[in-house]
Every structure is written in structure tokens, then in C-alpha cells.
Amino acid sequence: MKKRDWLINYRNKKGLSQMQVAKQIGVSQQMYNYIENNKRNPSTKLAKKIADVLNFSWTKFYED
């Protein structure tokens, strides 16, 4: 599986670490790392939280 480079880019544009995003969305840094590395898919609720923090449409997780 390919990393979610687009997600990493959004986080880097905001100047946030994985840990900072994880704390804001209420998951462990490891879980957030799994999402970025495409090892786990976020629930709709979690996708919306990540999208709110990083300022993109949550539906991006479900696009090809």
C-alpha cells in the first residue's frame, strides 16, 4: 500500500507533527501514523476530525 502523501503534505503545510495532530483528534500517535501510512482507514467520524484540523474535505479519504 502506498503512503497517503497528500495527507502528509496537508500536515506539513500546517507545520504540525504527527503527535500534535493525534492529540487534536483524540488518537495515539501510532494510530495516526497508521492512517498516514495507509495501514488503517479512519472511521467517518475520525476522517472528519482530521479534515477539520488539516483543512480539507473529509471525503478525500474515500477518493481513488
N, C-alpha and C. Protein backbone atom coordinates (compact mmCIF):
# COMPACT_ATOMS: atom_id res chain seq x y z
N MET A 1 0.83 -1.21 0.00
CA MET A 1 0.00 0.00 0.00
C MET A 1 0.87 1.26 0.00
N LYS A 2 0.36 2.24 -0.68
CA LYS A 2 1.09 3.49 -0.83
C LYS A 2 0.74 4.44 0.32
N LYS A 3 1.75 5.15 0.79
CA LYS A 3 1.51 6.17 1.81
C LYS A 3 0.52 7.20 1.30
N ARG A 4 -0.16 7.81 2.23
CA ARG A 4 -1.05 8.92 1.86
C ARG A 4 -0.22 10.20 1.84
N ASP A 5 0.52 10.38 0.76
CA ASP A 5 1.40 11.56 0.65
C ASP A 5 0.61 12.85 0.73
N TRP A 6 -0.61 12.84 0.19
CA TRP A 6 -1.43 14.05 0.23
C TRP A 6 -1.73 14.45 1.68
N LEU A 7 -1.95 13.45 2.54
CA LEU A 7 -2.25 13.72 3.95
C LEU A 7 -1.01 14.27 4.66
N ILE A 8 0.12 13.69 4.38
CA ILE A 8 1.39 14.17 4.95
C ILE A 8 1.64 15.61 4.52
N ASN A 9 1.35 15.91 3.25
CA ASN A 9 1.55 17.27 2.74
C ASN A 9 0.64 18.28 3.45
N TYR A 10 -0.61 17.91 3.68
CA TYR A 10 -1.52 18.82 4.41
C TYR A 10 -0.98 19.07 5.82
N ARG A 11 -0.53 18.02 6.48
CA ARG A 11 0.00 18.18 7.85
C ARG A 11 1.25 19.06 7.85
N ASN A 12 2.14 18.83 6.89
CA ASN A 12 3.38 19.64 6.81
C ASN A 12 3.08 21.10 6.52
N LYS A 13 2.08 21.37 5.67
CA LYS A 13 1.70 22.76 5.37
C LYS A 13 1.23 23.49 6.62
N LYS A 14 0.59 22.75 7.53
CA LYS A 14 0.13 23.34 8.79
C LYS A 14 1.25 23.44 9.83
N GLY A 15 2.40 22.81 9.53
CA GLY A 15 3.53 22.85 10.45
C GLY A 15 3.30 22.01 11.70
N LEU A 16 2.53 20.94 11.56
CA LEU A 16 2.19 20.09 12.71
C LEU A 16 2.93 18.76 12.64
N SER A 17 3.24 18.23 13.82
CA SER A 17 3.82 16.89 13.90
C SER A 17 2.68 15.87 13.94
N GLN A 18 3.03 14.61 13.73
CA GLN A 18 2.01 13.55 13.86
C GLN A 18 1.42 13.58 15.27
N MET A 19 2.26 13.78 16.26
CA MET A 19 1.78 13.80 17.65
C MET A 19 0.79 14.93 17.88
N GLN A 20 1.06 16.10 17.32
CA GLN A 20 0.16 17.24 17.51
C GLN A 20 -1.22 16.96 16.88
N VAL A 21 -1.21 16.40 15.69
CA VAL A 21 -2.48 16.07 15.04
C VAL A 21 -3.21 15.00 15.84
N ALA A 22 -2.48 13.97 16.25
CA ALA A 22 -3.07 12.87 17.02
C ALA A 22 -3.76 13.39 18.29
N LYS A 23 -3.10 14.29 19.00
CA LYS A 23 -3.68 14.85 20.23
C LYS A 23 -4.96 15.61 19.92
N GLN A 24 -4.95 16.39 18.84
CA GLN A 24 -6.13 17.20 18.49
C GLN A 24 -7.32 16.34 18.09
N ILE A 25 -7.06 15.17 17.52
CA ILE A 25 -8.17 14.33 17.06
C ILE A 25 -8.51 13.21 18.04
N GLY A 26 -7.69 13.08 19.09
CA GLY A 26 -8.00 12.14 20.16
C GLY A 26 -7.60 10.69 19.90
N VAL A 27 -6.49 10.49 19.16
CA VAL A 27 -5.96 9.13 18.95
C VAL A 27 -4.48 9.12 19.31
N SER A 28 -3.91 7.93 19.36
CA SER A 28 -2.47 7.83 19.63
C SER A 28 -1.68 8.25 18.40
N GLN A 29 -0.44 8.62 18.62
CA GLN A 29 0.45 8.98 17.51
C GLN A 29 0.62 7.77 16.59
N GLN A 30 0.67 6.59 17.17
CA GLN A 30 0.83 5.37 16.37
C GLN A 30 -0.36 5.17 15.43
N MET A 31 -1.56 5.37 15.96
CA MET A 31 -2.76 5.23 15.13
C MET A 31 -2.75 6.24 14.00
N TYR A 32 -2.38 7.48 14.30
CA TYR A 32 -2.33 8.50 13.24
C TYR A 32 -1.28 8.11 12.21
N ASN A 33 -0.14 7.59 12.66
CA ASN A 33 0.91 7.14 11.76
C ASN A 33 0.37 6.05 10.83
N TYR A 34 -0.41 5.12 11.37
CA TYR A 34 -1.00 4.06 10.55
C TYR A 34 -1.92 4.64 9.48
N ILE A 35 -2.66 5.69 9.83
CA ILE A 35 -3.55 6.33 8.85
C ILE A 35 -2.73 6.98 7.74
N GLU A 36 -1.68 7.72 8.11
CA GLU A 36 -0.82 8.36 7.10
C GLU A 36 -0.15 7.33 6.20
N ASN A 37 0.23 6.21 6.78
CA ASN A 37 0.94 5.19 6.01
C ASN A 37 0.01 4.17 5.35
N ASN A 38 -1.29 4.48 5.40
CA ASN A 38 -2.31 3.67 4.72
C ASN A 38 -2.39 2.24 5.26
N LYS A 39 -2.03 2.07 6.53
CA LYS A 39 -2.18 0.76 7.18
C LYS A 39 -3.54 0.64 7.85
N ARG A 40 -4.18 1.78 8.10
CA ARG A 40 -5.51 1.81 8.70
C ARG A 40 -6.33 2.89 7.98
N ASN A 41 -7.62 2.63 7.88
CA ASN A 41 -8.54 3.62 7.34
C ASN A 41 -9.30 4.24 8.50
N PRO A 42 -9.43 5.57 8.50
CA PRO A 42 -10.17 6.21 9.59
C PRO A 42 -11.67 5.99 9.43
N SER A 43 -12.36 5.96 10.56
CA SER A 43 -13.83 5.95 10.51
C SER A 43 -14.27 7.29 9.93
N THR A 44 -15.53 7.36 9.55
CA THR A 44 -16.05 8.63 9.02
C THR A 44 -15.87 9.74 10.05
N LYS A 45 -16.19 9.44 11.31
CA LYS A 45 -16.05 10.43 12.38
C LYS A 45 -14.61 10.91 12.50
N LEU A 46 -13.66 9.98 12.46
CA LEU A 46 -12.24 10.34 12.59
C LEU A 46 -11.76 11.07 11.34
N ALA A 47 -12.21 10.65 10.17
CA ALA A 47 -11.84 11.33 8.93
C ALA A 47 -12.27 12.80 8.98
N LYS A 48 -13.47 13.04 9.53
CA LYS A 48 -13.96 14.41 9.65
C LYS A 48 -13.11 15.23 10.62
N LYS A 49 -12.67 14.61 11.72
CA LYS A 49 -11.82 15.32 12.69
C LYS A 49 -10.48 15.69 12.06
N ILE A 50 -9.88 14.75 11.35
CA ILE A 50 -8.59 15.01 10.70
C ILE A 50 -8.75 16.12 9.67
N ALA A 51 -9.81 16.04 8.88
CA ALA A 51 -10.06 17.04 7.85
C ALA A 51 -10.26 18.42 8.45
N ASP A 52 -10.95 18.50 9.60
CA ASP A 52 -11.16 19.78 10.27
C ASP A 52 -9.84 20.38 10.73
N VAL A 53 -8.96 19.55 11.30
CA VAL A 53 -7.67 20.03 11.81
C VAL A 53 -6.77 20.48 10.67
N LEU A 54 -6.76 19.71 9.57
CA LEU A 54 -5.83 19.99 8.48
C LEU A 54 -6.45 20.76 7.32
N ASN A 55 -7.75 21.07 7.44
CA ASN A 55 -8.45 21.94 6.49
C ASN A 55 -8.54 21.37 5.07
N PHE A 56 -9.20 20.22 4.96
CA PHE A 56 -9.52 19.66 3.65
C PHE A 56 -10.85 18.92 3.77
N SER A 57 -11.39 18.49 2.64
CA SER A 57 -12.67 17.77 2.65
C SER A 57 -12.44 16.33 3.10
N TRP A 58 -13.19 15.90 4.11
CA TRP A 58 -13.01 14.56 4.66
C TRP A 58 -13.24 13.47 3.63
N THR A 59 -13.99 13.77 2.57
CA THR A 59 -14.26 12.75 1.55
C THR A 59 -13.01 12.37 0.77
N LYS A 60 -11.96 13.16 0.89
CA LYS A 60 -10.69 12.85 0.21
C LYS A 60 -10.17 11.46 0.61
N PHE A 61 -10.47 11.02 1.81
CA PHE A 61 -10.04 9.68 2.25
C PHE A 61 -10.67 8.57 1.39
N TYR A 62 -11.80 8.86 0.78
CA TYR A 62 -12.54 7.84 0.05
C TYR A 62 -12.47 8.00 -1.46
N GLU A 63 -11.60 8.90 -1.91
CA GLU A 63 -11.35 9.06 -3.34
C GLU A 63 -10.25 8.10 -3.76
N ASP A 64 -10.19 7.81 -5.04
CA ASP A 64 -9.14 6.93 -5.55
C ASP A 64 -7.78 7.60 -5.54
